[in-house]
Amino acid sequence: MKTSHKKNFLLSSYLQGVNAGVGTEVFIRLKWAQTEYKGTLESIDSYMNVLLRDTQEFLEGKPSGALGLVLIRCNNILYMGSADAVEMTEMEYK
């Protein structure tokens, strides 16, 4: 398999997995300012732009308010994961 075909296959497989998470609660950390968002994954595209609904914003780990519908551009995301997994990890460190 050519390298370009392999990359496309891997990206396609990854996006199928992420799209299976549509409708679940996720946690996203941005690259700067210790900004984090927790909300329900509404959609995600092939560039990894993310649309969240019922979104809550956290600054430096503290809740700063409800935002509702939020679009996060792909290049701002440091990491994204299941909100349940993030909460469990945080509880282990406390």
PDB file of N, CA and C in Angstrom:
ATOM      1  N   MET A   1       0.855  -1.178   0.000  1.00  0.00           N
ATOM      2  CA  MET A   1       0.000   0.000   0.000  1.00  0.00           C
ATOM      3  C   MET A   1       0.898   1.237   0.000  1.00  0.00           C
ATOM      4  N   LYS A   2       0.630   2.172  -0.902  1.00  0.00           N
ATOM      5  CA  LYS A   2       1.404   3.408  -0.957  1.00  0.00           C
ATOM      6  C   LYS A   2       1.214   4.201   0.327  1.00  0.00           C
ATOM      7  N   THR A   3       2.222   5.005   0.648  1.00  0.00           N
ATOM      8  CA  THR A   3       2.176   5.792   1.882  1.00  0.00           C
ATOM      9  C   THR A   3       0.968   6.713   1.919  1.00  0.00           C
ATOM     10  N   SER A   4       0.659   7.380   0.807  1.00  0.00           N
ATOM     11  CA  SER A   4      -0.483   8.302   0.790  1.00  0.00           C
ATOM     12  C   SER A   4      -1.798   7.553   1.003  1.00  0.00           C
ATOM     13  N   HIS A   5      -1.925   6.363   0.426  1.00  0.00           N
ATOM     14  CA  HIS A   5      -3.138   5.565   0.627  1.00  0.00           C
ATOM     15  C   HIS A   5      -3.241   5.096   2.072  1.00  0.00           C
ATOM     16  N   LYS A   6      -2.086   4.728   2.646  1.00  0.00           N
ATOM     17  CA  LYS A   6      -2.071   4.276   4.034  1.00  0.00           C
ATOM     18  C   LYS A   6      -2.494   5.410   4.966  1.00  0.00           C
ATOM     19  N   LYS A   7      -1.985   6.622   4.720  1.00  0.00           N
ATOM     20  CA  LYS A   7      -2.354   7.773   5.552  1.00  0.00           C
ATOM     21  C   LYS A   7      -3.844   8.065   5.438  1.00  0.00           C
ATOM     22  N   ASN A   8      -4.373   8.020   4.218  1.00  0.00           N
ATOM     23  CA  ASN A   8      -5.806   8.259   4.024  1.00  0.00           C
ATOM     24  C   ASN A   8      -6.637   7.196   4.729  1.00  0.00           C
ATOM     25  N   PHE A   9      -6.190   5.949   4.675  1.00  0.00           N
ATOM     26  CA  PHE A   9      -6.899   4.863   5.349  1.00  0.00           C
ATOM     27  C   PHE A   9      -6.892   5.075   6.859  1.00  0.00           C
ATOM     28  N   LEU A  10      -5.724   5.429   7.414  1.00  0.00           N
ATOM     29  CA  LEU A  10      -5.621   5.652   8.855  1.00  0.00           C
ATOM     30  C   LEU A  10      -6.483   6.823   9.295  1.00  0.00           C
ATOM     31  N   LEU A  11      -6.470   7.918   8.526  1.00  0.00           N
ATOM     32  CA  LEU A  11      -7.299   9.077   8.854  1.00  0.00           C
ATOM     33  C   LEU A  11      -8.773   8.706   8.787  1.00  0.00           C
ATOM     34  N   SER A  12      -9.154   7.973   7.747  1.00  0.00           N
ATOM     35  CA  SER A  12     -10.545   7.551   7.603  1.00  0.00           C
ATOM     36  C   SER A  12     -10.975   6.672   8.772  1.00  0.00           C
ATOM     37  N   SER A  13     -10.119   5.738   9.174  1.00  0.00           N
ATOM     38  CA  SER A  13     -10.432   4.860  10.307  1.00  0.00           C
ATOM     39  C   SER A  13     -10.559   5.656  11.590  1.00  0.00           C
ATOM     40  N   TYR A  14      -9.645   6.609  11.784  1.00  0.00           N
ATOM     41  CA  TYR A  14      -9.680   7.438  12.990  1.00  0.00           C
ATOM     42  C   TYR A  14     -10.969   8.254  13.043  1.00  0.00           C
ATOM     43  N   LEU A  15     -11.320   8.886  11.928  1.00  0.00           N
ATOM     44  CA  LEU A  15     -12.528   9.716  11.898  1.00  0.00           C
ATOM     45  C   LEU A  15     -13.785   8.885  12.105  1.00  0.00           C
ATOM     46  N   GLN A  16     -13.806   7.655  11.616  1.00  0.00           N
ATOM     47  CA  GLN A  16     -14.955   6.786  11.875  1.00  0.00           C
ATOM     48  C   GLN A  16     -15.094   6.534  13.365  1.00  0.00           C
ATOM     49  N   GLY A  17     -13.973   6.323  14.040  1.00  0.00           N
ATOM     50  CA  GLY A  17     -14.001   6.113  15.484  1.00  0.00           C
ATOM     51  C   GLY A  17     -14.476   7.342  16.224  1.00  0.00           C
ATOM     52  N   VAL A  18     -13.978   8.502  15.824  1.00  0.00           N
ATOM     53  CA  VAL A  18     -14.383   9.751  16.475  1.00  0.00           C
ATOM     54  C   VAL A  18     -15.853  10.035  16.196  1.00  0.00           C
ATOM     55  N   ASN A  19     -16.289   9.835  14.960  1.00  0.00           N
ATOM     56  CA  ASN A  19     -17.693  10.081  14.622  1.00  0.00           C
ATOM     57  C   ASN A  19     -18.631   9.146  15.374  1.00  0.00           C
ATOM     58  N   ALA A  20     -18.133   7.988  15.787  1.00  0.00           N
ATOM     59  CA  ALA A  20     -18.951   7.088  16.605  1.00  0.00           C
ATOM     60  C   ALA A  20     -19.235   7.724  17.959  1.00  0.00           C
ATOM     61  N   GLY A  21     -18.401   8.693  18.347  1.00  0.00           N
ATOM     62  CA  GLY A  21     -18.584   9.394  19.617  1.00  0.00           C
ATOM     63  C   GLY A  21     -19.531  10.577  19.549  1.00  0.00           C
ATOM     64  N   VAL A  22     -20.083  10.869  18.376  1.00  0.00           N
ATOM     65  CA  VAL A  22     -21.039  11.977  18.259  1.00  0.00           C
ATOM     66  C   VAL A  22     -22.216  11.695  19.186  1.00  0.00           C
ATOM     67  N   GLY A  23     -22.563  12.702  19.970  1.00  0.00           N
ATOM     68  CA  GLY A  23     -23.648  12.555  20.931  1.00  0.00           C
ATOM     69  C   GLY A  23     -23.150  12.256  22.337  1.00  0.00           C
ATOM     70  N   THR A  24     -21.842  12.011  22.477  1.00  0.00           N
ATOM     71  CA  THR A  24     -21.277  11.752  23.803  1.00  0.00           C
ATOM     72  C   THR A  24     -20.596  13.011  24.337  1.00  0.00           C
ATOM     73  N   GLU A  25     -20.363  13.030  25.631  1.00  0.00           N
ATOM     74  CA  GLU A  25     -19.735  14.182  26.262  1.00  0.00           C
ATOM     75  C   GLU A  25     -18.215  14.068  26.137  1.00  0.00           C
ATOM     76  N   VAL A  26     -17.580  15.153  25.661  1.00  0.00           N
ATOM     77  CA  VAL A  26     -16.130  15.169  25.473  1.00  0.00           C
ATOM     78  C   VAL A  26     -15.513  16.350  26.216  1.00  0.00           C
ATOM     79  N   PHE A  27     -14.209  16.266  26.369  1.00  0.00           N
ATOM     80  CA  PHE A  27     -13.426  17.290  27.045  1.00  0.00           C
ATOM     81  C   PHE A  27     -12.322  17.707  26.092  1.00  0.00           C
ATOM     82  N   ILE A  28     -12.172  19.008  25.850  1.00  0.00           N
ATOM     83  CA  ILE A  28     -11.164  19.513  24.922  1.00  0.00           C
ATOM     84  C   ILE A  28     -10.282  20.522  25.641  1.00  0.00           C
ATOM     85  N   ARG A  29      -8.972  20.352  25.502  1.00  0.00           N
ATOM     86  CA  ARG A  29      -8.010  21.307  26.065  1.00  0.00           C
ATOM     87  C   ARG A  29      -7.383  22.065  24.909  1.00  0.00           C
ATOM     88  N   LEU A  30      -7.367  23.400  25.011  1.00  0.00           N
ATOM     89  CA  LEU A  30      -6.738  24.215  23.981  1.00  0.00           C
ATOM     90  C   LEU A  30      -5.236  24.315  24.224  1.00  0.00           C
ATOM     91  N   LYS A  31      -4.509  24.762  23.213  1.00  0.00           N
ATOM     92  CA  LYS A  31      -3.050  24.828  23.284  1.00  0.00           C
ATOM     93  C   LYS A  31      -2.538  25.921  24.216  1.00  0.00           C
ATOM     94  N   TRP A  32      -3.344  26.916  24.499  1.00  0.00           N
ATOM     95  CA  TRP A  32      -2.856  28.039  25.288  1.00  0.00           C
ATOM     96  C   TRP A  32      -3.870  28.477  26.330  1.00  0.00           C
ATOM     97  N   ALA A  33      -3.401  29.244  27.273  1.00  0.00           N
ATOM     98  CA  ALA A  33      -4.228  29.894  28.302  1.00  0.00           C
ATOM     99  C   ALA A  33      -4.968  28.919  29.209  1.00  0.00           C
ATOM    100  N   GLN A  34      -4.552  27.669  29.235  1.00  0.00           N
ATOM    101  CA  GLN A  34      -5.197  26.662  30.077  1.00  0.00           C
ATOM    102  C   GLN A  34      -6.717  26.711  29.965  1.00  0.00           C
ATOM    103  N   THR A  35      -7.198  26.846  28.737  1.00  0.00           N
ATOM    104  CA  THR A  35      -8.634  26.883  28.467  1.00  0.00           C
ATOM    105  C   THR A  35      -9.108  25.490  28.086  1.00  0.00           C
ATOM    106  N   GLU A  36     -10.229  25.089  28.689  1.00  0.00           N
ATOM    107  CA  GLU A  36     -10.795  23.769  28.434  1.00  0.00           C
ATOM    108  C   GLU A  36     -12.298  23.897  28.218  1.00  0.00           C
ATOM    109  N   TYR A  37     -12.830  22.976  27.427  1.00  0.00           N
ATOM    110  CA  TYR A  37     -14.263  22.943  27.166  1.00  0.00           C
ATOM    111  C   TYR A  37     -14.787  21.537  27.400  1.00  0.00           C
ATOM    112  N   LYS A  38     -15.969  21.474  27.976  1.00  0.00           N
ATOM    113  CA  LYS A  38     -16.654  20.199  28.167  1.00  0.00           C
ATOM    114  C   LYS A  38     -18.038  20.359  27.556  1.00  0.00           C
ATOM    115  N   GLY A  39     -18.396  19.459  26.651  1.00  0.00           N
ATOM    116  CA  GLY A  39     -19.697  19.544  26.007  1.00  0.00           C
ATOM    117  C   GLY A  39     -20.009  18.277  25.233  1.00  0.00           C
ATOM    118  N   THR A  40     -21.160  18.275  24.611  1.00  0.00           N
ATOM    119  CA  THR A  40     -21.598  17.126  23.822  1.00  0.00           C
ATOM    120  C   THR A  40     -21.108  17.286  22.393  1.00  0.00           C
ATOM    121  N   LEU A  41     -20.412  16.270  21.882  1.00  0.00           N
ATOM    122  CA  LEU A  41     -19.881  16.303  20.527  1.00  0.00           C
ATOM    123  C   LEU A  41     -21.033  16.286  19.530  1.00  0.00           C
ATOM    124  N   GLU A  42     -21.190  17.379  18.816  1.00  0.00           N
ATOM    125  CA  GLU A  42     -22.254  17.517  17.821  1.00  0.00           C
ATOM    126  C   GLU A  42     -21.768  17.024  16.457  1.00  0.00           C
ATOM    127  N   SER A  43     -20.548  17.438  16.072  1.00  0.00           N
ATOM    128  CA  SER A  43     -19.975  16.972  14.808  1.00  0.00           C
ATOM    129  C   SER A  43     -18.478  17.262  14.781  1.00  0.00           C
ATOM    130  N   ILE A  44     -17.803  16.579  13.846  1.00  0.00           N
ATOM    131  CA  ILE A  44     -16.369  16.764  13.645  1.00  0.00           C
ATOM    132  C   ILE A  44     -16.103  16.520  12.163  1.00  0.00           C
ATOM    133  N   ASP A  45     -15.217  17.321  11.564  1.00  0.00           N
ATOM    134  CA  ASP A  45     -14.943  17.139  10.137  1.00  0.00           C
ATOM    135  C   ASP A  45     -13.559  16.528   9.931  1.00  0.00           C
ATOM    136  N   SER A  46     -13.174  16.343   8.670  1.00  0.00           N
ATOM    137  CA  SER A  46     -11.907  15.677   8.357  1.00  0.00           C
ATOM    138  C   SER A  46     -10.688  16.502   8.758  1.00  0.00           C
ATOM    139  N   TYR A  47     -10.868  17.792   9.022  1.00  0.00           N
ATOM    140  CA  TYR A  47      -9.767  18.635   9.495  1.00  0.00           C
ATOM    141  C   TYR A  47      -9.670  18.624  11.018  1.00  0.00           C
ATOM    142  N   MET A  48     -10.623  17.982  11.683  1.00  0.00           N
ATOM    143  CA  MET A  48     -10.731  17.918  13.143  1.00  0.00           C
ATOM    144  C   MET A  48     -11.295  19.203  13.750  1.00  0.00           C
ATOM    145  N   ASN A  49     -12.027  20.002  12.958  1.00  0.00           N
ATOM    146  CA  ASN A  49     -12.809  21.094  13.525  1.00  0.00           C
ATOM    147  C   ASN A  49     -13.951  20.443  14.291  1.00  0.00           C
ATOM    148  N   VAL A  50     -14.239  20.961  15.476  1.00  0.00           N
ATOM    149  CA  VAL A  50     -15.190  20.308  16.376  1.00  0.00           C
ATOM    150  C   VAL A  50     -16.335  21.250  16.713  1.00  0.00           C
ATOM    151  N   LEU A  51     -17.553  20.729  16.679  1.00  0.00           N
ATOM    152  CA  LEU A  51     -18.732  21.474  17.096  1.00  0.00           C
ATOM    153  C   LEU A  51     -19.287  20.813  18.351  1.00  0.00           C
ATOM    154  N   LEU A  52     -19.374  21.598  19.436  1.00  0.00           N
ATOM    155  CA  LEU A  52     -19.909  21.113  20.706  1.00  0.00           C
ATOM    156  C   LEU A  52     -21.205  21.832  21.025  1.00  0.00           C
ATOM    157  N   ARG A  53     -22.118  21.136  21.702  1.00  0.00           N
ATOM    158  CA  ARG A  53     -23.327  21.789  22.216  1.00  0.00           C
ATOM    159  C   ARG A  53     -23.353  21.615  23.728  1.00  0.00           C
ATOM    160  N   ASP A  54     -24.157  22.434  24.385  1.00  0.00           N
ATOM    161  CA  ASP A  54     -24.245  22.421  25.855  1.00  0.00           C
ATOM    162  C   ASP A  54     -22.846  22.528  26.473  1.00  0.00           C
ATOM    163  N   THR A  55     -22.061  23.460  25.944  1.00  0.00           N
ATOM    164  CA  THR A  55     -20.654  23.581  26.306  1.00  0.00           C
ATOM    165  C   THR A  55     -20.443  24.410  27.563  1.00  0.00           C
ATOM    166  N   GLN A  56     -19.529  23.927  28.388  1.00  0.00           N
ATOM    167  CA  GLN A  56     -19.080  24.664  29.572  1.00  0.00           C
ATOM    168  C   GLN A  56     -17.610  25.003  29.369  1.00  0.00           C
ATOM    169  N   GLU A  57     -17.221  26.214  29.775  1.00  0.00           N
ATOM    170  CA  GLU A  57     -15.830  26.646  29.648  1.00  0.00           C
ATOM    171  C   GLU A  57     -15.150  26.606  31.010  1.00  0.00           C
ATOM    172  N   PHE A  58     -13.879  26.195  31.002  1.00  0.00           N
ATOM    173  CA  PHE A  58     -13.069  26.163  32.217  1.00  0.00           C
ATOM    174  C   PHE A  58     -11.779  26.928  31.953  1.00  0.00           C
ATOM    175  N   LEU A  59     -11.447  27.867  32.823  1.00  0.00           N
ATOM    176  CA  LEU A  59     -10.195  28.606  32.729  1.00  0.00           C
ATOM    177  C   LEU A  59      -9.343  28.244  33.933  1.00  0.00           C
ATOM    178  N   GLU A  60      -8.147  27.740  33.652  1.00  0.00           N
ATOM    179  CA  GLU A  60      -7.228  27.296  34.704  1.00  0.00           C
ATOM    180  C   GLU A  60      -7.901  26.303  35.657  1.00  0.00           C
ATOM    181  N   GLY A  61      -8.745  25.426  35.095  1.00  0.00           N
ATOM    182  CA  GLY A  61      -9.393  24.376  35.865  1.00  0.00           C
ATOM    183  C   GLY A  61     -10.647  24.779  36.608  1.00  0.00           C
ATOM    184  N   LYS A  62     -11.022  26.054  36.526  1.00  0.00           N
ATOM    185  CA  LYS A  62     -12.210  26.530  37.244  1.00  0.00           C
ATOM    186  C   LYS A  62     -13.322  26.859  36.252  1.00  0.00           C
ATOM    187  N   PRO A  63     -14.562  26.468  36.556  1.00  0.00           N
ATOM    188  CA  PRO A  63     -15.683  26.781  35.656  1.00  0.00           C
ATOM    189  C   PRO A  63     -15.826  28.289  35.473  1.00  0.00           C
ATOM    190  N   SER A  64     -15.976  28.713  34.221  1.00  0.00           N
ATOM    191  CA  SER A  64     -16.144  30.143  33.965  1.00  0.00           C
ATOM    192  C   SER A  64     -17.481  30.469  33.318  1.00  0.00           C
ATOM    193  N   GLY A  65     -18.290  29.446  33.013  1.00  0.00           N
ATOM    194  CA  GLY A  65     -19.618  29.719  32.490  1.00  0.00           C
ATOM    195  C   GLY A  65     -20.053  28.767  31.401  1.00  0.00           C
ATOM    196  N   ALA A  66     -21.341  28.857  31.090  1.00  0.00           N
ATOM    197  CA  ALA A  66     -21.940  28.043  30.032  1.00  0.00           C
ATOM    198  C   ALA A  66     -21.926  28.838  28.736  1.00  0.00           C
ATOM    199  N   LEU A  67     -21.539  28.188  27.645  1.00  0.00           N
ATOM    200  CA  LEU A  67     -21.443  28.860  26.350  1.00  0.00           C
ATOM    201  C   LEU A  67     -22.478  28.379  25.346  1.00  0.00           C
ATOM    202  N   GLY A  68     -23.004  27.188  25.522  1.00  0.00           N
ATOM    203  CA  GLY A  68     -23.967  26.659  24.556  1.00  0.00           C
ATOM    204  C   GLY A  68     -23.271  26.007  23.378  1.00  0.00           C
ATOM    205  N   LEU A  69     -23.565  26.480  22.155  1.00  0.00           N
ATOM    206  CA  LEU A  69     -23.010  25.906  20.930  1.00  0.00           C
ATOM    207  C   LEU A  69     -21.661  26.564  20.623  1.00  0.00           C
ATOM    208  N   VAL A  70     -20.615  25.738  20.446  1.00  0.00           N
ATOM    209  CA  VAL A  70     -19.257  26.256  20.248  1.00  0.00           C
ATOM    210  C   VAL A  70     -18.581  25.503  19.109  1.00  0.00           C
ATOM    211  N   LEU A  71     -17.935  26.255  18.212  1.00  0.00           N
ATOM    212  CA  LEU A  71     -17.119  25.677  17.147  1.00  0.00           C
ATOM    213  C   LEU A  71     -15.660  25.924  17.505  1.00  0.00           C
ATOM    214  N   ILE A  72     -14.869  24.856  17.537  1.00  0.00           N
ATOM    215  CA  ILE A  72     -13.453  24.976  17.869  1.00  0.00           C
ATOM    216  C   ILE A  72     -12.642  24.580  16.640  1.00  0.00           C
ATOM    217  N   ARG A  73     -11.817  25.509  16.206  1.00  0.00           N
ATOM    218  CA  ARG A  73     -10.982  25.247  15.034  1.00  0.00           C
ATOM    219  C   ARG A  73      -9.877  24.253  15.388  1.00  0.00           C
ATOM    220  N   CYS A  74      -9.601  23.380  14.460  1.00  0.00           N
ATOM    221  CA  CYS A  74      -8.696  22.254  14.687  1.00  0.00           C
ATOM    222  C   CYS A  74      -7.323  22.642  15.227  1.00  0.00           C
ATOM    223  N   ASN A  75      -6.718  23.698  14.707  1.00  0.00           N
ATOM    224  CA  ASN A  75      -5.348  24.013  15.103  1.00  0.00           C
ATOM    225  C   ASN A  75      -5.242  24.584  16.514  1.00  0.00           C
ATOM    226  N   ASN A  76      -6.358  24.804  17.187  1.00  0.00           N
ATOM    227  CA  ASN A  76      -6.347  25.288  18.566  1.00  0.00           C
ATOM    228  C   ASN A  76      -6.378  24.156  19.586  1.00  0.00           C
ATOM    229  N   ILE A  77      -6.667  22.937  19.145  1.00  0.00           N
ATOM    230  CA  ILE A  77      -6.886  21.816  20.062  1.00  0.00           C
ATOM    231  C   ILE A  77      -5.562  21.144  20.429  1.00  0.00           C
ATOM    232  N   LEU A  78      -5.313  21.040  21.735  1.00  0.00           N
ATOM    233  CA  LEU A  78      -4.151  20.302  22.224  1.00  0.00           C
ATOM    234  C   LEU A  78      -4.504  18.821  22.332  1.00  0.00           C
ATOM    235  N   TYR A  79      -5.639  18.519  22.984  1.00  0.00           N
ATOM    236  CA  TYR A  79      -6.124  17.147  23.036  1.00  0.00           C
ATOM    237  C   TYR A  79      -7.624  17.119  23.270  1.00  0.00           C
ATOM    238  N   MET A  80      -8.218  15.976  22.958  1.00  0.00           N
ATOM    239  CA  MET A  80      -9.650  15.780  23.140  1.00  0.00           C
ATOM    240  C   MET A  80      -9.860  14.344  23.610  1.00  0.00           C
ATOM    241  N   GLY A  81     -10.808  14.166  24.521  1.00  0.00           N
ATOM    242  CA  GLY A  81     -11.102  12.820  24.996  1.00  0.00           C
ATOM    243  C   GLY A  81     -12.473  12.747  25.615  1.00  0.00           C
ATOM    244  N   SER A  82     -12.834  11.567  26.010  1.00  0.00           N
ATOM    245  CA  SER A  82     -14.108  11.349  26.680  1.00  0.00           C
ATOM    246  C   SER A  82     -14.118  12.106  27.998  1.00  0.00           C
ATOM    247  N   ALA A  83     -15.201  12.802  28.285  1.00  0.00           N
ATOM    248  CA  ALA A  83     -15.307  13.554  29.536  1.00  0.00           C
ATOM    249  C   ALA A  83     -15.234  12.614  30.727  1.00  0.00           C
ATOM    250  N   ASP A  84     -15.795  11.418  30.602  1.00  0.00           N
ATOM    251  CA  ASP A  84     -15.739  10.435  31.687  1.00  0.00           C
ATOM    252  C   ASP A  84     -14.301  10.022  31.982  1.00  0.00           C
ATOM    253  N   ALA A  85     -13.510   9.795  30.938  1.00  0.00           N
ATOM    254  CA  ALA A  85     -12.119   9.378  31.115  1.00  0.00           C
ATOM    255  C   ALA A  85     -11.302  10.481  31.770  1.00  0.00           C
ATOM    256  N   VAL A  86     -11.550  11.732  31.381  1.00  0.00           N
ATOM    257  CA  VAL A  86     -10.818  12.860  31.958  1.00  0.00           C
ATOM    258  C   VAL A  86     -11.160  13.004  33.427  1.00  0.00           C
ATOM    259  N   GLU A  87     -12.440  12.890  33.777  1.00  0.00           N
ATOM    260  CA  GLU A  87     -12.847  13.006  35.177  1.00  0.00           C
ATOM    261  C   GLU A  87     -12.230  11.897  36.013  1.00  0.00           C
ATOM    262  N   MET A  88     -12.161  10.682  35.487  1.00  0.00           N
ATOM    263  CA  MET A  88     -11.567   9.573  36.225  1.00  0.00           C
ATOM    264  C   MET A  88     -10.078   9.820  36.443  1.00  0.00           C
ATOM    265  N   THR A  89      -9.379  10.321  35.421  1.00  0.00           N
ATOM    266  CA  THR A  89      -7.951  10.601  35.531  1.00  0.00           C
ATOM    267  C   THR A  89      -7.698  11.681  36.567  1.00  0.00           C
ATOM    268  N   GLU A  90      -8.508  12.746  36.552  1.00  0.00           N
ATOM    269  CA  GLU A  90      -8.341  13.825  37.522  1.00  0.00           C
ATOM    270  C   GLU A  90      -8.564  13.308  38.937  1.00  0.00           C
ATOM    271  N   MET A  91      -9.523  12.402  39.120  1.00  0.00           N
ATOM    272  CA  MET A  91      -9.806  11.862  40.445  1.00  0.00           C
ATOM    273  C   MET A  91      -8.629  11.023  40.945  1.00  0.00           C
ATOM    274  N   GLU A  92      -7.932  10.333  40.041  1.00  0.00           N
ATOM    275  CA  GLU A  92      -6.793   9.511  40.436  1.00  0.00           C
ATOM    276  C   GLU A  92      -5.642  10.360  40.958  1.00  0.00           C
ATOM    277  N   TYR A  93      -5.475  11.576  40.419  1.00  0.00           N
ATOM    278  CA  TYR A  93      -4.368  12.441  40.814  1.00  0.00           C
ATOM    279  C   TYR A  93      -4.634  13.193  42.101  1.00  0.00           C
ATOM    280  N   LYS A  94      -5.898  13.279  42.520  1.00  0.00           N
ATOM    281  CA  LYS A  94      -6.228  14.050  43.724  1.00  0.00           C
ATOM    282  C   LYS A  94      -5.972  13.259  44.978  1.00  0.00           C
TER     283      LYS A  94
END
